[in-house]
Protein backbone atom coordinates (compact mmCIF):
# COMPACT_ATOMS: atom_id res chain seq x y z
CA PHE A 1 -2.62 15.12 44.89
CA ASP A 2 -5.66 13.54 43.25
CA GLU A 3 -5.78 10.28 41.39
CA VAL A 4 -8.28 9.92 38.55
CA GLU A 5 -8.91 7.28 35.92
CA VAL A 6 -8.02 8.37 32.40
CA ARG A 7 -9.15 6.61 29.25
CA MET A 8 -7.62 7.35 25.88
CA PRO A 9 -8.26 5.80 22.48
CA ASP A 10 -5.81 3.21 21.23
CA TYR A 11 -2.99 4.63 19.12
CA LEU A 12 -2.01 2.09 16.49
CA TYR A 13 0.67 2.30 13.83
CA ASP A 14 3.13 0.01 12.06
CA THR A 15 6.72 0.16 13.27
CA PHE A 16 9.63 -2.11 14.17
CA ALA A 17 10.78 -3.52 17.49
CA VAL A 18 13.49 -5.68 18.99
CA TRP A 19 13.03 -7.77 22.12
CA VAL A 20 14.56 -10.37 24.41
CA ASP A 21 12.22 -12.97 26.00
CA PHE A 22 12.93 -14.55 29.37
CA ASP A 23 12.09 -18.20 29.95
CA GLU A 24 10.89 -19.95 33.10
CA GLN A 25 14.37 -21.38 33.81
CA LEU A 26 15.81 -17.87 34.06
CA ALA A 27 12.87 -16.71 36.16
CA ARG A 28 13.49 -19.56 38.63
CA ALA A 29 17.24 -18.86 38.78
CA VAL A 30 16.61 -15.17 39.49
CA SER A 31 14.01 -16.01 42.13
CA GLU A 32 16.36 -18.50 43.82
CA ARG A 33 18.85 -15.66 44.27
CA GLY A 34 16.16 -13.62 46.02
CA LEU A 35 15.96 -11.12 43.16
CA ASP A 36 12.90 -9.70 41.41
CA LEU A 37 12.95 -10.46 37.66
CA HIS A 38 10.20 -7.96 36.88
CA LYS A 39 12.09 -5.08 38.53
CA GLY A 40 15.35 -6.17 36.90
CA VAL A 41 13.81 -6.29 33.41
CA HIS A 42 12.24 -2.87 33.96
CA ALA A 43 15.57 -1.40 35.09
CA ALA A 44 17.48 -3.04 32.22
CA ALA A 45 15.04 -1.70 29.61
CA HIS A 46 15.50 1.84 30.87
CA ALA A 47 19.26 1.46 31.29
CA VAL A 48 19.62 0.41 27.65
CA ALA A 49 17.37 3.30 26.59
CA ALA A 50 19.56 5.68 28.60
CA ILE A 51 22.72 4.73 26.73
CA LEU A 52 21.12 4.59 23.27
CA PRO A 53 21.86 8.24 22.38
CA LEU A 54 25.60 7.66 22.80
CA ALA A 55 25.73 4.09 21.52
CA ALA A 56 23.34 4.29 18.57
CA GLY A 57 23.28 8.00 17.75
CA CYS A 58 19.58 8.50 18.33
CA ASP A 59 17.40 10.66 20.53
CA MET A 60 15.71 8.94 23.49
CA ALA A 61 12.41 10.39 22.28
CA GLU A 62 12.71 8.28 19.10
CA VAL A 63 12.73 4.93 20.92
CA GLY A 64 9.96 3.50 23.07
CA VAL A 65 10.41 1.00 25.88
CA GLU A 66 7.84 -1.60 26.90
CA CYS A 67 7.43 -1.58 30.67
CA PRO A 68 4.19 -3.32 31.60
CA GLY A 69 2.97 -3.44 35.16
CA ARG A 70 3.28 -6.69 37.11
CA ALA A 71 -0.49 -7.38 36.84
CA GLU A 72 -0.47 -6.74 33.09
CA VAL A 73 2.29 -9.30 32.51
CA ALA A 74 0.14 -12.03 34.06
CA TYR A 75 -2.59 -11.53 31.44
CA ARG A 76 -0.49 -11.07 28.29
CA HIS A 77 -0.01 -13.63 25.54
CA HIS A 78 3.76 -13.33 25.65
CA PRO A 79 6.32 -13.63 28.45
CA LEU A 80 8.09 -10.90 30.32
CA ARG A 81 10.60 -9.38 27.95
CA LEU A 82 12.88 -6.47 27.21
CA LEU A 83 11.40 -4.58 24.24
CA TRP A 84 12.39 -1.39 22.43
CA PHE A 85 10.54 0.03 19.42
CA ASP A 86 10.82 2.82 16.89
CA LYS A 87 8.31 5.49 17.92
CA ALA A 88 8.00 6.81 14.36
CA ARG A 89 5.25 5.46 12.15
CA GLY A 90 6.93 2.99 9.77
CA GLY A 91 10.11 2.99 11.86
CA LEU A 92 13.40 4.84 11.55
CA GLY A 93 15.68 1.80 11.55
CA LEU A 94 16.50 2.19 15.24
CA ALA A 95 15.16 -1.24 16.21
CA LEU A 96 17.49 -2.79 13.63
CA GLU A 97 20.39 -0.74 15.01
CA ILE A 98 19.56 -1.86 18.55
CA HIS A 99 19.45 -5.47 17.33
CA ARG A 100 22.90 -5.12 15.74
CA ARG A 101 24.37 -3.61 18.88
CA LEU A 102 22.36 -5.51 21.51
CA PRO A 103 25.21 -7.45 23.16
CA ALA A 104 27.26 -4.25 23.62
CA LEU A 105 24.17 -2.32 24.74
CA LEU A 106 23.40 -4.93 27.41
CA VAL A 107 27.00 -4.81 28.65
CA GLY A 108 26.85 -1.00 28.73
CA ALA A 109 23.53 -1.06 30.59
CA ARG A 110 24.96 -3.49 33.15
CA GLU A 111 27.98 -1.23 33.67
CA LEU A 112 25.69 1.79 34.07
CA MET A 113 23.60 0.00 36.70
CA ALA A 114 26.70 -1.29 38.50
CA GLN A 115 27.88 2.32 38.94
CA CYS A 116 24.55 3.33 40.52
CA ALA A 117 24.86 4.17 44.20
CA CYS A 118 21.21 3.44 44.99
CA GLU A 119 20.23 0.59 47.31
CA ALA A 120 17.55 -0.93 45.04
C-alpha cells in the first residue's frame, strides 16, 4: 500500500466534552508496574466508547474520542487524558450523560477489557 501526506482544513464547532486528566503521580505508578499509560488511556477511551450505546442509549457515531499520538501529547498544553465529546454542533447532551455515568462507565470498560483474550 502507499502512504501519502493528507492535509485538510480545520473543522471547528462548539460542542461539549467530558474528560479525566492523569497526573504525574499516576504516570509514575503505572510506569513502576511496567505498564504503558498512553496505551492504557487509549484502550480505556475506546472501551468506554464501546459500551456507550448500551449504557447511555446513544449511537457510537454521536460521540467522539480523543486519542492523540504519543508525539502529539508531548507538545500539547494539557496532560494525557480520557476525553469524549458530542460530535454534533452545539452538543446533544451526551457529554453530560457520560459525566453523570462516568464511574459506572469506567467499571464497565474495565470489565470489558478484563474479558479480552488478547495478549496486549
